[in-house]
Amino acid sequence: MKLHKALPELVQLIIVVLLTFYGVYERINDKFNFIDSLIQYIPLLIISFIAIWAMYKSKGLVSFLLVLITFYPNGIMEFANWLFGIFDNGINLDGYVALRLVITVFLIMMVISYLFDNPKTSKKNYNIEIGVLFGYLAYSLLYQSVPNALYLLVLPLVIYVFGSDFLGVLFMISKLITIPLILFKTLDANIELSNSAWIYYILGIVLLVFSFVALSKNISKNGYNA
């Protein structure tokens, strides 16, 4: 039996909500700085909304994959490090490591379960939302190596294909929203920017503006039926 078939969608939705909230909570620190907090938490809150909304709209593959990659990508590696550390530190099971391992394995199983259930793809036409995706790819290629740029494109591509344009554009916004904040922080610290840095920030802000335009057009056309 496929795991996601054994769990009612309401239960899956509750699990996604709890895991996203816990993932955000883990990243809360005692040192509060307004701009730094915005840079750290706004993307996480947007991604949390995407994951919860995707599950609410019965797009479980997108939801669980997003939670896995965003909040629990290192669960298995953390457990492996603990396991190899037994030789030096003895058997002293860390409850935190064990919890993250259980969460990570569960999320991986849910993603695999959805993948083997022939997830539905959404029909695509070339529109401003797809244009934003290609713009993000081009922008990534300018400032990342080709392998890294393609890696960065995998998750938004999955969201567009198995989710919706609405969720895809929101994800682009989560990746771009920090650019003007980082620019403001840099200028506020009186750090001089090179011409290439200015181009990086300006292109990122332009792409962010187009993303908001695409989101607005999508909502006006389809409402919130993501």
C-alpha atoms as a PDB file:
ATOM      1  CA  MET A   1       0.000   0.000   0.000  1.00  0.00           C
ATOM      2  CA  LYS A   2       1.290   3.459  -0.870  1.00  0.00           C
ATOM      3  CA  LEU A   3       1.991   5.430   2.294  1.00  0.00           C
ATOM      4  CA  HIS A   4       0.127   8.540   1.182  1.00  0.00           C
ATOM      5  CA  LYS A   5      -2.952   6.424   0.478  1.00  0.00           C
ATOM      6  CA  ALA A   6      -2.910   5.161   4.066  1.00  0.00           C
ATOM      7  CA  LEU A   7      -3.010   8.681   5.509  1.00  0.00           C
ATOM      8  CA  PRO A   8      -6.111  10.878   5.031  1.00  0.00           C
ATOM      9  CA  GLU A   9      -5.307  14.206   3.385  1.00  0.00           C
ATOM     10  CA  LEU A  10      -6.419  16.073   6.514  1.00  0.00           C
ATOM     11  CA  VAL A  11      -3.827  14.145   8.538  1.00  0.00           C
ATOM     12  CA  GLN A  12      -1.184  14.910   5.903  1.00  0.00           C
ATOM     13  CA  LEU A  13      -2.118  18.594   6.045  1.00  0.00           C
ATOM     14  CA  ILE A  14      -1.752  18.635   9.840  1.00  0.00           C
ATOM     15  CA  ILE A  15       1.637  16.903   9.552  1.00  0.00           C
ATOM     16  CA  VAL A  16       2.842  19.460   6.977  1.00  0.00           C
ATOM     17  CA  VAL A  17       1.701  22.344   9.189  1.00  0.00           C
ATOM     18  CA  LEU A  18       3.471  20.900  12.240  1.00  0.00           C
ATOM     19  CA  LEU A  19       6.700  20.114  10.364  1.00  0.00           C
ATOM     20  CA  THR A  20       6.890  23.555   8.733  1.00  0.00           C
ATOM     21  CA  PHE A  21       6.230  25.312  12.056  1.00  0.00           C
ATOM     22  CA  TYR A  22       8.881  23.168  13.748  1.00  0.00           C
ATOM     23  CA  GLY A  23      11.294  23.855  10.882  1.00  0.00           C
ATOM     24  CA  VAL A  24      10.837  27.611  11.268  1.00  0.00           C
ATOM     25  CA  TYR A  25      11.053  27.360  15.074  1.00  0.00           C
ATOM     26  CA  GLU A  26      14.424  25.589  14.803  1.00  0.00           C
ATOM     27  CA  ARG A  27      15.828  28.580  12.976  1.00  0.00           C
ATOM     28  CA  ILE A  28      14.787  31.147  15.566  1.00  0.00           C
ATOM     29  CA  ASN A  29      17.765  32.586  17.406  1.00  0.00           C
ATOM     30  CA  ASP A  30      18.135  34.888  20.397  1.00  0.00           C
ATOM     31  CA  LYS A  31      20.047  37.601  18.545  1.00  0.00           C
ATOM     32  CA  PHE A  32      17.384  39.870  17.038  1.00  0.00           C
ATOM     33  CA  ASN A  33      18.227  42.235  14.231  1.00  0.00           C
ATOM     34  CA  PHE A  34      15.303  43.600  12.248  1.00  0.00           C
ATOM     35  CA  ILE A  35      16.788  43.436   8.738  1.00  0.00           C
ATOM     36  CA  ASP A  36      18.580  40.140   9.362  1.00  0.00           C
ATOM     37  CA  SER A  37      15.358  38.667  10.726  1.00  0.00           C
ATOM     38  CA  LEU A  38      13.436  39.755   7.625  1.00  0.00           C
ATOM     39  CA  ILE A  39      16.140  38.248   5.390  1.00  0.00           C
ATOM     40  CA  GLN A  40      15.994  34.952   7.283  1.00  0.00           C
ATOM     41  CA  TYR A  41      12.304  34.509   8.030  1.00  0.00           C
ATOM     42  CA  ILE A  42      10.366  36.013   5.104  1.00  0.00           C
ATOM     43  CA  PRO A  43      11.564  33.317   2.638  1.00  0.00           C
ATOM     44  CA  LEU A  44      10.881  30.577   5.209  1.00  0.00           C
ATOM     45  CA  LEU A  45       7.363  31.870   5.865  1.00  0.00           C
ATOM     46  CA  ILE A  46       6.597  32.083   2.139  1.00  0.00           C
ATOM     47  CA  ILE A  47       7.885  28.543   1.576  1.00  0.00           C
ATOM     48  CA  SER A  48       5.871  27.336   4.584  1.00  0.00           C
ATOM     49  CA  PHE A  49       2.746  28.867   3.060  1.00  0.00           C
ATOM     50  CA  ILE A  50       3.480  27.201  -0.299  1.00  0.00           C
ATOM     51  CA  ALA A  51       3.914  23.793   1.353  1.00  0.00           C
ATOM     52  CA  ILE A  52       0.722  24.127   3.398  1.00  0.00           C
ATOM     53  CA  TRP A  53      -1.309  25.528   0.494  1.00  0.00           C
ATOM     54  CA  ALA A  54      -0.052  22.820  -1.853  1.00  0.00           C
ATOM     55  CA  MET A  55      -1.161  20.112   0.583  1.00  0.00           C
ATOM     56  CA  TYR A  56      -4.494  21.869   1.083  1.00  0.00           C
ATOM     57  CA  LYS A  57      -4.936  21.730  -2.700  1.00  0.00           C
ATOM     58  CA  SER A  58      -4.049  17.999  -2.781  1.00  0.00           C
ATOM     59  CA  LYS A  59      -0.597  18.518  -4.299  1.00  0.00           C
ATOM     60  CA  GLY A  60       1.196  16.280  -1.841  1.00  0.00           C
ATOM     61  CA  LEU A  61       4.338  15.692  -3.905  1.00  0.00           C
ATOM     62  CA  VAL A  62       5.094  19.414  -4.032  1.00  0.00           C
ATOM     63  CA  SER A  63       4.253  19.887  -0.366  1.00  0.00           C
ATOM     64  CA  PHE A  64       6.349  17.087   1.128  1.00  0.00           C
ATOM     65  CA  LEU A  65       9.287  17.630  -1.242  1.00  0.00           C
ATOM     66  CA  LEU A  66       9.373  21.313  -0.339  1.00  0.00           C
ATOM     67  CA  VAL A  67       9.307  20.579   3.401  1.00  0.00           C
ATOM     68  CA  LEU A  68      12.037  17.946   2.995  1.00  0.00           C
ATOM     69  CA  ILE A  69      14.444  20.093   0.984  1.00  0.00           C
ATOM     70  CA  THR A  70      13.820  23.327   2.898  1.00  0.00           C
ATOM     71  CA  PHE A  71      13.744  22.182   6.501  1.00  0.00           C
ATOM     72  CA  TYR A  72      15.118  18.625   6.779  1.00  0.00           C
ATOM     73  CA  PRO A  73      17.745  18.065   4.068  1.00  0.00           C
ATOM     74  CA  ASN A  74      20.448  16.879   6.481  1.00  0.00           C
ATOM     75  CA  GLY A  75      18.527  14.495   8.716  1.00  0.00           C
ATOM     76  CA  ILE A  76      20.144  11.324   7.400  1.00  0.00           C
ATOM     77  CA  MET A  77      23.622  12.883   7.320  1.00  0.00           C
ATOM     78  CA  GLU A  78      23.240  14.038  10.936  1.00  0.00           C
ATOM     79  CA  PHE A  79      22.318  10.493  11.942  1.00  0.00           C
ATOM     80  CA  ALA A  80      25.290   9.069   9.989  1.00  0.00           C
ATOM     81  CA  ASN A  81      27.648  11.483  11.763  1.00  0.00           C
ATOM     82  CA  TRP A  82      26.222  10.385  15.114  1.00  0.00           C
ATOM     83  CA  LEU A  83      26.548   6.732  14.114  1.00  0.00           C
ATOM     84  CA  PHE A  84      30.213   7.055  13.165  1.00  0.00           C
ATOM     85  CA  GLY A  85      30.795   9.073  16.319  1.00  0.00           C
ATOM     86  CA  ILE A  86      29.845   6.064  18.462  1.00  0.00           C
ATOM     87  CA  PHE A  87      33.425   4.814  18.210  1.00  0.00           C
ATOM     88  CA  ASP A  88      34.691   7.978  19.889  1.00  0.00           C
ATOM     89  CA  ASN A  89      31.809   8.984  22.128  1.00  0.00           C
ATOM     90  CA  GLY A  90      30.099   5.689  22.925  1.00  0.00           C
ATOM     91  CA  ILE A  91      26.424   4.923  22.446  1.00  0.00           C
ATOM     92  CA  ASN A  92      24.647   8.077  23.537  1.00  0.00           C
ATOM     93  CA  LEU A  93      21.586   8.530  21.348  1.00  0.00           C
ATOM     94  CA  ASP A  94      20.806  12.160  20.747  1.00  0.00           C
ATOM     95  CA  GLY A  95      17.024  12.624  20.842  1.00  0.00           C
ATOM     96  CA  TYR A  96      17.238  15.600  18.506  1.00  0.00           C
ATOM     97  CA  VAL A  97      19.160  13.610  15.893  1.00  0.00           C
ATOM     98  CA  ALA A  98      16.765  10.682  16.237  1.00  0.00           C
ATOM     99  CA  LEU A  99      13.728  12.952  15.791  1.00  0.00           C
ATOM    100  CA  ARG A 100      15.149  14.590  12.686  1.00  0.00           C
ATOM    101  CA  LEU A 101      16.034  11.188  11.254  1.00  0.00           C
ATOM    102  CA  VAL A 102      12.459   9.934  11.738  1.00  0.00           C
ATOM    103  CA  ILE A 103      11.061  13.111  10.164  1.00  0.00           C
ATOM    104  CA  THR A 104      13.465  12.928   7.212  1.00  0.00           C
ATOM    105  CA  VAL A 105      12.785   9.243   6.518  1.00  0.00           C
ATOM    106  CA  PHE A 106       9.037   9.861   6.728  1.00  0.00           C
ATOM    107  CA  LEU A 107       9.251  12.775   4.289  1.00  0.00           C
ATOM    108  CA  ILE A 108      11.376  10.753   1.847  1.00  0.00           C
ATOM    109  CA  MET A 109       8.855   7.893   2.011  1.00  0.00           C
ATOM    110  CA  MET A 110       5.977  10.298   1.336  1.00  0.00           C
ATOM    111  CA  VAL A 111       7.765  11.829  -1.663  1.00  0.00           C
ATOM    112  CA  ILE A 112       8.533   8.375  -3.087  1.00  0.00           C
ATOM    113  CA  SER A 113       4.958   7.273  -2.436  1.00  0.00           C
ATOM    114  CA  TYR A 114       3.582  10.205  -4.412  1.00  0.00           C
ATOM    115  CA  LEU A 115       6.135   9.759  -7.189  1.00  0.00           C
ATOM    116  CA  PHE A 116       5.087   6.151  -7.754  1.00  0.00           C
ATOM    117  CA  ASP A 117       1.434   7.126  -7.915  1.00  0.00           C
ATOM    118  CA  ASN A 118       1.761   8.923 -11.281  1.00  0.00           C
ATOM    119  CA  PRO A 119       1.276  12.476  -9.939  1.00  0.00           C
ATOM    120  CA  LYS A 120      -0.805  14.721 -12.146  1.00  0.00           C
ATOM    121  CA  THR A 121       0.962  17.451 -14.062  1.00  0.00           C
ATOM    122  CA  SER A 122      -0.648  20.797 -14.748  1.00  0.00           C
ATOM    123  CA  LYS A 123      -1.099  21.880 -18.360  1.00  0.00           C
ATOM    124  CA  LYS A 124       1.280  24.664 -19.294  1.00  0.00           C
ATOM    125  CA  ASN A 125       1.127  27.452 -21.839  1.00  0.00           C
ATOM    126  CA  TYR A 126       3.815  30.075 -22.263  1.00  0.00           C
ATOM    127  CA  ASN A 127       2.817  32.997 -20.048  1.00  0.00           C
ATOM    128  CA  ILE A 128       4.402  35.560 -17.759  1.00  0.00           C
ATOM    129  CA  GLU A 129       4.667  32.973 -14.975  1.00  0.00           C
ATOM    130  CA  ILE A 130       6.744  30.662 -17.170  1.00  0.00           C
ATOM    131  CA  GLY A 131       8.708  33.716 -18.295  1.00  0.00           C
ATOM    132  CA  VAL A 132       9.631  34.376 -14.656  1.00  0.00           C
ATOM    133  CA  LEU A 133      10.892  30.790 -14.365  1.00  0.00           C
ATOM    134  CA  PHE A 134      13.158  31.186 -17.400  1.00  0.00           C
ATOM    135  CA  GLY A 135      14.251  34.578 -16.113  1.00  0.00           C
ATOM    136  CA  TYR A 136      15.243  32.980 -12.812  1.00  0.00           C
ATOM    137  CA  LEU A 137      17.202  30.312 -14.694  1.00  0.00           C
ATOM    138  CA  ALA A 138      19.048  32.932 -16.742  1.00  0.00           C
ATOM    139  CA  TYR A 139      19.726  34.985 -13.610  1.00  0.00           C
ATOM    140  CA  SER A 140      21.086  31.906 -11.816  1.00  0.00           C
ATOM    141  CA  LEU A 141      23.323  31.025 -14.765  1.00  0.00           C
ATOM    142  CA  LEU A 142      24.854  34.508 -14.632  1.00  0.00           C
ATOM    143  CA  TYR A 143      25.968  34.171 -11.033  1.00  0.00           C
ATOM    144  CA  GLN A 144      26.223  30.400 -10.468  1.00  0.00           C
ATOM    145  CA  SER A 145      28.042  27.564 -12.121  1.00  0.00           C
ATOM    146  CA  VAL A 146      25.911  25.591 -14.584  1.00  0.00           C
ATOM    147  CA  PRO A 147      25.511  22.568 -12.237  1.00  0.00           C
ATOM    148  CA  ASN A 148      24.478  24.826  -9.344  1.00  0.00           C
ATOM    149  CA  ALA A 149      22.082  26.808 -11.521  1.00  0.00           C
ATOM    150  CA  LEU A 150      20.430  23.627 -12.793  1.00  0.00           C
ATOM    151  CA  TYR A 151      20.230  22.312  -9.224  1.00  0.00           C
ATOM    152  CA  LEU A 152      18.540  25.540  -8.116  1.00  0.00           C
ATOM    153  CA  LEU A 153      16.035  25.136 -10.947  1.00  0.00           C
ATOM    154  CA  VAL A 154      14.947  21.589 -10.049  1.00  0.00           C
ATOM    155  CA  LEU A 155      12.649  22.501  -7.153  1.00  0.00           C
ATOM    156  CA  PRO A 156      10.855  25.434  -8.852  1.00  0.00           C
ATOM    157  CA  LEU A 157      10.450  23.276 -11.957  1.00  0.00           C
ATOM    158  CA  VAL A 158       8.796  20.531  -9.882  1.00  0.00           C
ATOM    159  CA  ILE A 159       6.514  23.130  -8.305  1.00  0.00           C
ATOM    160  CA  TYR A 160       5.504  24.502 -11.712  1.00  0.00           C
ATOM    161  CA  VAL A 161       4.954  21.071 -13.274  1.00  0.00           C
ATOM    162  CA  PHE A 162       3.288  19.209 -10.398  1.00  0.00           C
ATOM    163  CA  GLY A 163       1.901  22.224  -8.553  1.00  0.00           C
ATOM    164  CA  SER A 164       0.741  25.355 -10.297  1.00  0.00           C
ATOM    165  CA  ASP A 165       1.949  28.642 -11.773  1.00  0.00           C
ATOM    166  CA  PHE A 166       0.669  30.411  -8.651  1.00  0.00           C
ATOM    167  CA  LEU A 167       2.856  28.301  -6.352  1.00  0.00           C
ATOM    168  CA  GLY A 168       5.780  28.481  -8.770  1.00  0.00           C
ATOM    169  CA  VAL A 169       5.765  32.276  -8.826  1.00  0.00           C
ATOM    170  CA  LEU A 170       5.463  32.394  -5.038  1.00  0.00           C
ATOM    171  CA  PHE A 171       8.555  30.203  -4.815  1.00  0.00           C
ATOM    172  CA  MET A 172      10.435  32.576  -7.130  1.00  0.00           C
ATOM    173  CA  ILE A 173       9.439  35.448  -4.844  1.00  0.00           C
ATOM    174  CA  SER A 174      10.745  33.541  -1.811  1.00  0.00           C
ATOM    175  CA  LYS A 175      14.132  33.265  -3.546  1.00  0.00           C
ATOM    176  CA  LEU A 176      14.278  36.868  -4.740  1.00  0.00           C
ATOM    177  CA  ILE A 177      12.619  38.761  -1.881  1.00  0.00           C
ATOM    178  CA  THR A 178      15.856  39.020   0.105  1.00  0.00           C
ATOM    179  CA  ILE A 179      17.774  40.807  -2.667  1.00  0.00           C
ATOM    180  CA  PRO A 180      16.464  44.356  -1.959  1.00  0.00           C
ATOM    181  CA  LEU A 181      16.789  43.702   1.784  1.00  0.00           C
ATOM    182  CA  ILE A 182      20.427  42.637   1.426  1.00  0.00           C
ATOM    183  CA  LEU A 183      21.066  45.668  -0.788  1.00  0.00           C
ATOM    184  CA  PHE A 184      19.549  47.961   1.847  1.00  0.00           C
ATOM    185  CA  LYS A 185      21.660  46.344   4.568  1.00  0.00           C
ATOM    186  CA  THR A 186      24.800  46.708   2.457  1.00  0.00           C
ATOM    187  CA  LEU A 187      24.174  50.378   1.690  1.00  0.00           C
ATOM    188  CA  ASP A 188      23.239  51.080   5.309  1.00  0.00           C
ATOM    189  CA  ALA A 189      26.630  49.683   6.339  1.00  0.00           C
ATOM    190  CA  ASN A 190      28.315  52.078   3.858  1.00  0.00           C
ATOM    191  CA  ILE A 191      29.848  49.205   1.928  1.00  0.00           C
ATOM    192  CA  GLU A 192      30.937  50.236  -1.549  1.00  0.00           C
ATOM    193  CA  LEU A 193      29.523  48.079  -4.335  1.00  0.00           C
ATOM    194  CA  SER A 194      31.272  47.165  -7.556  1.00  0.00           C
ATOM    195  CA  ASN A 195      29.543  47.613 -10.915  1.00  0.00           C
ATOM    196  CA  SER A 196      28.963  43.860 -11.174  1.00  0.00           C
ATOM    197  CA  ALA A 197      27.352  43.846  -7.721  1.00  0.00           C
ATOM    198  CA  TRP A 198      25.029  46.683  -8.740  1.00  0.00           C
ATOM    199  CA  ILE A 199      24.038  44.728 -11.850  1.00  0.00           C
ATOM    200  CA  TYR A 200      23.359  41.656  -9.701  1.00  0.00           C
ATOM    201  CA  TYR A 201      21.073  43.582  -7.341  1.00  0.00           C
ATOM    202  CA  ILE A 202      19.292  45.541 -10.079  1.00  0.00           C
ATOM    203  CA  LEU A 203      18.580  42.448 -12.171  1.00  0.00           C
ATOM    204  CA  GLY A 204      17.355  40.605  -9.089  1.00  0.00           C
ATOM    205  CA  ILE A 205      15.008  43.445  -8.134  1.00  0.00           C
ATOM    206  CA  VAL A 206      13.673  43.692 -11.707  1.00  0.00           C
ATOM    207  CA  LEU A 207      13.007  39.950 -11.695  1.00  0.00           C
ATOM    208  CA  LEU A 208      11.314  40.288  -8.302  1.00  0.00           C
ATOM    209  CA  VAL A 209       9.032  43.023  -9.663  1.00  0.00           C
ATOM    210  CA  PHE A 210       8.103  40.827 -12.641  1.00  0.00           C
ATOM    211  CA  SER A 211       7.387  37.997 -10.214  1.00  0.00           C
ATOM    212  CA  PHE A 212       4.924  40.161  -8.285  1.00  0.00           C
ATOM    213  CA  VAL A 213       3.316  41.244 -11.570  1.00  0.00           C
ATOM    214  CA  ALA A 214       3.004  37.595 -12.611  1.00  0.00           C
ATOM    215  CA  LEU A 215       1.510  36.710  -9.219  1.00  0.00           C
ATOM    216  CA  SER A 216      -1.002  39.548  -9.489  1.00  0.00           C
ATOM    217  CA  LYS A 217      -2.030  38.505 -13.009  1.00  0.00           C
ATOM    218  CA  ASN A 218      -2.365  34.888 -11.947  1.00  0.00           C
ATOM    219  CA  ILE A 219      -4.565  35.753  -8.969  1.00  0.00           C
ATOM    220  CA  SER A 220      -6.756  38.101 -11.041  1.00  0.00           C
ATOM    221  CA  LYS A 221      -7.196  35.367 -13.637  1.00  0.00           C
ATOM    222  CA  ASN A 222      -7.588  32.254 -11.481  1.00  0.00           C
ATOM    223  CA  GLY A 223      -8.267  33.556  -7.985  1.00  0.00           C
ATOM    224  CA  TYR A 224      -6.596  31.372  -5.384  1.00  0.00           C
ATOM    225  CA  ASN A 225      -7.428  28.125  -7.157  1.00  0.00           C
ATOM    226  CA  ALA A 226      -3.790  27.076  -7.228  1.00  0.00           C
END
